[in-house]
Amino acid sequence: MKRQFYLNKILPFFTAFLLIFVCFSASGQCKEKISESNDQKVHYHEIPLKGKSEYLTLSRTGEERLFSYHNTDLDLVFHARMFTEIRFISSTGNFSLFTTSSDRSRWFTAFTLTSPLTPKEILKMRGTEKIEIILPEEKRIFIVSASSNNLIRKALGCLK
């Protein structure tokens, strides 16, 4: 009798805790950090492209939404001050992002391209099938699998 009483009292709390845990774990695994430059909270999500050395990041700081491409193995000595195109082929519409600079230096060897995102581009990213990064010395092409597209959709949830 006492066992049933405790079970009836504990079960609703345990169920509520479990629901909260599931909601947070299914929210796209958004990560947070504090920006070093302006002390604002940054919400971001990383999407692997090729191993651990090449990945995308979708991030949000306040109202600003950014797309970044990172590559720690790219053997590009310097990045010329010219437009670099990042082309998205998507079932919801193709589009390109453009950037004019990278964060590559002798001290920071990771190559990073960053571009702001508009709400229209964010909607089109949901059906991404292929991403092309057109650099001065080479062209990187990534076919987006169904599992990677699910990661992109989860990351887009972090941008809200």
C-alpha atoms as a PDB file:
ATOM      1  CA  MET A   1       0.000   0.000   0.000  1.00  0.00           C
ATOM      2  CA  LYS A   2       2.764   2.452   0.951  1.00  0.00           C
ATOM      3  CA  ARG A   3       4.724   1.467  -2.154  1.00  0.00           C
ATOM      4  CA  GLN A   4       1.749   2.366  -4.386  1.00  0.00           C
ATOM      5  CA  PHE A   5       1.337   5.683  -2.549  1.00  0.00           C
ATOM      6  CA  TYR A   6       4.994   6.686  -3.146  1.00  0.00           C
ATOM      7  CA  LEU A   7       4.778   5.541  -6.752  1.00  0.00           C
ATOM      8  CA  ASN A   8       1.702   7.717  -7.322  1.00  0.00           C
ATOM      9  CA  LYS A   9       3.498  10.719  -5.782  1.00  0.00           C
ATOM     10  CA  ILE A  10       6.864  10.252  -7.535  1.00  0.00           C
ATOM     11  CA  LEU A  11       5.651   9.189 -10.980  1.00  0.00           C
ATOM     12  CA  PRO A  12       4.258  12.626 -12.034  1.00  0.00           C
ATOM     13  CA  PHE A  13       7.515  14.366 -11.040  1.00  0.00           C
ATOM     14  CA  PHE A  14       9.608  11.773 -12.838  1.00  0.00           C
ATOM     15  CA  THR A  15       7.406  12.084 -15.957  1.00  0.00           C
ATOM     16  CA  ALA A  16       7.714  15.885 -15.927  1.00  0.00           C
ATOM     17  CA  PHE A  17      11.489  15.655 -15.547  1.00  0.00           C
ATOM     18  CA  LEU A  18      11.687  13.163 -18.420  1.00  0.00           C
ATOM     19  CA  LEU A  19       9.592  15.413 -20.699  1.00  0.00           C
ATOM     20  CA  ILE A  20      11.788  18.427 -19.944  1.00  0.00           C
ATOM     21  CA  PHE A  21      14.925  16.369 -20.629  1.00  0.00           C
ATOM     22  CA  VAL A  22      13.544  15.107 -23.963  1.00  0.00           C
ATOM     23  CA  CYS A  23      12.508  18.615 -25.057  1.00  0.00           C
ATOM     24  CA  PHE A  24      15.952  20.037 -24.343  1.00  0.00           C
ATOM     25  CA  SER A  25      17.801  17.166 -26.002  1.00  0.00           C
ATOM     26  CA  ALA A  26      15.614  17.396 -29.129  1.00  0.00           C
ATOM     27  CA  SER A  27      16.070  21.149 -29.531  1.00  0.00           C
ATOM     28  CA  GLY A  28      18.889  20.764 -32.060  1.00  0.00           C
ATOM     29  CA  GLN A  29      21.719  20.559 -29.548  1.00  0.00           C
ATOM     30  CA  CYS A  30      22.360  24.280 -29.775  1.00  0.00           C
ATOM     31  CA  LYS A  31      25.576  25.326 -28.129  1.00  0.00           C
ATOM     32  CA  GLU A  32      26.177  28.624 -26.407  1.00  0.00           C
ATOM     33  CA  LYS A  33      29.224  30.728 -25.715  1.00  0.00           C
ATOM     34  CA  ILE A  34      29.988  34.303 -24.792  1.00  0.00           C
ATOM     35  CA  SER A  35      31.503  36.421 -27.561  1.00  0.00           C
ATOM     36  CA  GLU A  36      34.958  37.718 -26.686  1.00  0.00           C
ATOM     37  CA  SER A  37      34.449  40.913 -28.675  1.00  0.00           C
ATOM     38  CA  ASN A  38      31.116  42.147 -27.292  1.00  0.00           C
ATOM     39  CA  ASP A  39      30.239  39.858 -24.327  1.00  0.00           C
ATOM     40  CA  GLN A  40      26.955  38.802 -25.992  1.00  0.00           C
ATOM     41  CA  LYS A  41      25.591  35.269 -25.937  1.00  0.00           C
ATOM     42  CA  VAL A  42      26.233  33.356 -29.195  1.00  0.00           C
ATOM     43  CA  HIS A  43      24.026  30.385 -30.118  1.00  0.00           C
ATOM     44  CA  TYR A  44      25.671  28.083 -32.652  1.00  0.00           C
ATOM     45  CA  HIS A  45      25.597  24.629 -34.200  1.00  0.00           C
ATOM     46  CA  GLU A  46      28.409  22.833 -36.036  1.00  0.00           C
ATOM     47  CA  ILE A  47      27.778  20.542 -39.034  1.00  0.00           C
ATOM     48  CA  PRO A  48      30.633  18.223 -40.063  1.00  0.00           C
ATOM     49  CA  LEU A  49      31.415  18.068 -43.784  1.00  0.00           C
ATOM     50  CA  LYS A  50      34.539  15.931 -44.014  1.00  0.00           C
ATOM     51  CA  GLY A  51      35.941  14.525 -40.805  1.00  0.00           C
ATOM     52  CA  LYS A  52      36.784  16.865 -37.957  1.00  0.00           C
ATOM     53  CA  SER A  53      38.847  19.260 -40.054  1.00  0.00           C
ATOM     54  CA  GLU A  54      36.084  20.597 -42.303  1.00  0.00           C
ATOM     55  CA  TYR A  55      32.744  21.809 -40.969  1.00  0.00           C
ATOM     56  CA  LEU A  56      30.030  24.463 -41.196  1.00  0.00           C
ATOM     57  CA  THR A  57      28.782  26.639 -38.364  1.00  0.00           C
ATOM     58  CA  LEU A  58      25.423  28.381 -38.205  1.00  0.00           C
ATOM     59  CA  SER A  59      25.304  30.978 -35.445  1.00  0.00           C
ATOM     60  CA  ARG A  60      23.082  33.680 -33.981  1.00  0.00           C
ATOM     61  CA  THR A  61      24.037  36.682 -31.901  1.00  0.00           C
ATOM     62  CA  GLY A  62      21.033  38.863 -31.155  1.00  0.00           C
ATOM     63  CA  GLU A  63      19.418  39.537 -34.549  1.00  0.00           C
ATOM     64  CA  GLU A  64      22.522  38.635 -36.589  1.00  0.00           C
ATOM     65  CA  ARG A  65      22.596  35.229 -38.328  1.00  0.00           C
ATOM     66  CA  LEU A  66      25.901  33.936 -39.751  1.00  0.00           C
ATOM     67  CA  PHE A  67      27.058  31.056 -41.907  1.00  0.00           C
ATOM     68  CA  SER A  68      30.713  29.992 -41.559  1.00  0.00           C
ATOM     69  CA  TYR A  69      32.839  27.431 -43.395  1.00  0.00           C
ATOM     70  CA  HIS A  70      35.891  26.134 -41.497  1.00  0.00           C
ATOM     71  CA  ASN A  71      38.792  24.068 -42.816  1.00  0.00           C
ATOM     72  CA  THR A  72      41.909  23.342 -40.755  1.00  0.00           C
ATOM     73  CA  ASP A  73      43.611  21.281 -43.497  1.00  0.00           C
ATOM     74  CA  LEU A  74      43.191  23.607 -46.486  1.00  0.00           C
ATOM     75  CA  ASP A  75      46.580  24.293 -48.037  1.00  0.00           C
ATOM     76  CA  LEU A  76      45.766  27.816 -49.195  1.00  0.00           C
ATOM     77  CA  VAL A  77      48.716  30.045 -48.362  1.00  0.00           C
ATOM     78  CA  PHE A  78      46.685  33.244 -48.365  1.00  0.00           C
ATOM     79  CA  HIS A  79      43.190  34.292 -49.312  1.00  0.00           C
ATOM     80  CA  ALA A  80      43.072  37.061 -51.888  1.00  0.00           C
ATOM     81  CA  ARG A  81      40.846  40.038 -51.184  1.00  0.00           C
ATOM     82  CA  MET A  82      38.226  39.044 -53.711  1.00  0.00           C
ATOM     83  CA  PHE A  83      34.729  37.601 -53.602  1.00  0.00           C
ATOM     84  CA  THR A  84      34.527  33.974 -52.612  1.00  0.00           C
ATOM     85  CA  GLU A  85      31.253  32.328 -53.571  1.00  0.00           C
ATOM     86  CA  ILE A  86      29.499  29.696 -51.479  1.00  0.00           C
ATOM     87  CA  ARG A  87      26.781  28.175 -53.674  1.00  0.00           C
ATOM     88  CA  PHE A  88      23.817  26.234 -52.260  1.00  0.00           C
ATOM     89  CA  ILE A  89      21.845  23.872 -54.473  1.00  0.00           C
ATOM     90  CA  SER A  90      18.562  23.278 -52.674  1.00  0.00           C
ATOM     91  CA  SER A  91      15.181  21.708 -53.400  1.00  0.00           C
ATOM     92  CA  THR A  92      13.587  24.946 -52.155  1.00  0.00           C
ATOM     93  CA  GLY A  93      15.697  27.237 -54.392  1.00  0.00           C
ATOM     94  CA  ASN A  94      19.360  27.805 -55.202  1.00  0.00           C
ATOM     95  CA  PHE A  95      21.314  30.774 -53.840  1.00  0.00           C
ATOM     96  CA  SER A  96      24.857  31.996 -53.222  1.00  0.00           C
ATOM     97  CA  LEU A  97      26.563  33.637 -50.287  1.00  0.00           C
ATOM     98  CA  PHE A  98      29.593  35.874 -50.858  1.00  0.00           C
ATOM     99  CA  THR A  99      32.474  36.857 -48.621  1.00  0.00           C
ATOM    100  CA  THR A 100      35.567  38.981 -49.254  1.00  0.00           C
ATOM    101  CA  SER A 101      37.886  37.899 -46.472  1.00  0.00           C
ATOM    102  CA  SER A 102      38.954  34.984 -44.347  1.00  0.00           C
ATOM    103  CA  ASP A 103      40.391  34.646 -40.856  1.00  0.00           C
ATOM    104  CA  ARG A 104      43.485  32.748 -42.014  1.00  0.00           C
ATOM    105  CA  SER A 105      46.879  33.957 -40.749  1.00  0.00           C
ATOM    106  CA  ARG A 106      50.265  32.494 -39.835  1.00  0.00           C
ATOM    107  CA  TRP A 107      49.183  32.232 -36.215  1.00  0.00           C
ATOM    108  CA  PHE A 108      45.638  30.967 -36.833  1.00  0.00           C
ATOM    109  CA  THR A 109      45.944  28.231 -39.435  1.00  0.00           C
ATOM    110  CA  ALA A 110      42.233  27.374 -39.716  1.00  0.00           C
ATOM    111  CA  PHE A 111      40.684  28.794 -42.878  1.00  0.00           C
ATOM    112  CA  THR A 112      37.280  30.358 -42.160  1.00  0.00           C
ATOM    113  CA  LEU A 113      34.781  32.032 -44.477  1.00  0.00           C
ATOM    114  CA  THR A 114      31.845  33.873 -42.918  1.00  0.00           C
ATOM    115  CA  SER A 115      28.763  35.471 -44.445  1.00  0.00           C
ATOM    116  CA  PRO A 116      25.537  36.909 -42.982  1.00  0.00           C
ATOM    117  CA  LEU A 117      22.261  35.070 -43.651  1.00  0.00           C
ATOM    118  CA  THR A 118      18.901  36.598 -44.564  1.00  0.00           C
ATOM    119  CA  PRO A 119      15.569  34.999 -43.574  1.00  0.00           C
ATOM    120  CA  LYS A 120      14.967  34.054 -47.241  1.00  0.00           C
ATOM    121  CA  GLU A 121      18.329  32.222 -47.412  1.00  0.00           C
ATOM    122  CA  ILE A 122      17.604  30.439 -44.131  1.00  0.00           C
ATOM    123  CA  LEU A 123      14.330  29.099 -45.572  1.00  0.00           C
ATOM    124  CA  LYS A 124      16.090  27.866 -48.719  1.00  0.00           C
ATOM    125  CA  MET A 125      18.783  26.088 -46.664  1.00  0.00           C
ATOM    126  CA  ARG A 126      16.213  23.589 -45.350  1.00  0.00           C
ATOM    127  CA  GLY A 127      16.377  21.545 -48.562  1.00  0.00           C
ATOM    128  CA  THR A 128      20.130  21.722 -49.180  1.00  0.00           C
ATOM    129  CA  GLU A 129      21.344  18.998 -51.541  1.00  0.00           C
ATOM    130  CA  LYS A 130      24.795  20.286 -52.479  1.00  0.00           C
ATOM    131  CA  ILE A 131      27.215  22.996 -51.284  1.00  0.00           C
ATOM    132  CA  GLU A 132      29.980  24.369 -53.515  1.00  0.00           C
ATOM    133  CA  ILE A 133      32.748  26.553 -52.101  1.00  0.00           C
ATOM    134  CA  ILE A 134      34.529  28.328 -54.940  1.00  0.00           C
ATOM    135  CA  LEU A 135      37.992  29.480 -53.842  1.00  0.00           C
ATOM    136  CA  PRO A 136      40.611  31.221 -56.010  1.00  0.00           C
ATOM    137  CA  GLU A 137      42.740  28.065 -56.222  1.00  0.00           C
ATOM    138  CA  GLU A 138      40.149  25.279 -56.010  1.00  0.00           C
ATOM    139  CA  LYS A 139      36.481  24.340 -55.826  1.00  0.00           C
ATOM    140  CA  ARG A 140      35.153  22.263 -52.904  1.00  0.00           C
ATOM    141  CA  ILE A 141      31.922  20.314 -53.565  1.00  0.00           C
ATOM    142  CA  PHE A 142      29.898  18.600 -50.830  1.00  0.00           C
ATOM    143  CA  ILE A 143      26.898  16.388 -51.536  1.00  0.00           C
ATOM    144  CA  VAL A 144      24.587  16.735 -48.531  1.00  0.00           C
ATOM    145  CA  SER A 145      23.235  13.410 -47.274  1.00  0.00           C
ATOM    146  CA  ALA A 146      19.849  13.016 -45.602  1.00  0.00           C
ATOM    147  CA  SER A 147      21.502  12.828 -42.161  1.00  0.00           C
ATOM    148  CA  SER A 148      23.550  15.978 -42.848  1.00  0.00           C
ATOM    149  CA  ASN A 149      20.410  17.742 -44.046  1.00  0.00           C
ATOM    150  CA  ASN A 150      18.762  16.816 -40.722  1.00  0.00           C
ATOM    151  CA  LEU A 151      21.735  18.406 -38.928  1.00  0.00           C
ATOM    152  CA  ILE A 152      21.299  21.552 -41.038  1.00  0.00           C
ATOM    153  CA  ARG A 153      17.604  21.688 -40.111  1.00  0.00           C
ATOM    154  CA  LYS A 154      18.454  21.306 -36.409  1.00  0.00           C
ATOM    155  CA  ALA A 155      21.080  24.048 -36.736  1.00  0.00           C
ATOM    156  CA  LEU A 156      18.537  26.309 -38.433  1.00  0.00           C
ATOM    157  CA  GLY A 157      16.358  25.793 -35.354  1.00  0.00           C
ATOM    158  CA  CYS A 158      19.166  27.374 -33.317  1.00  0.00           C
ATOM    159  CA  LEU A 159      18.898  30.522 -35.413  1.00  0.00           C
ATOM    160  CA  LYS A 160      15.353  31.330 -34.200  1.00  0.00           C
END
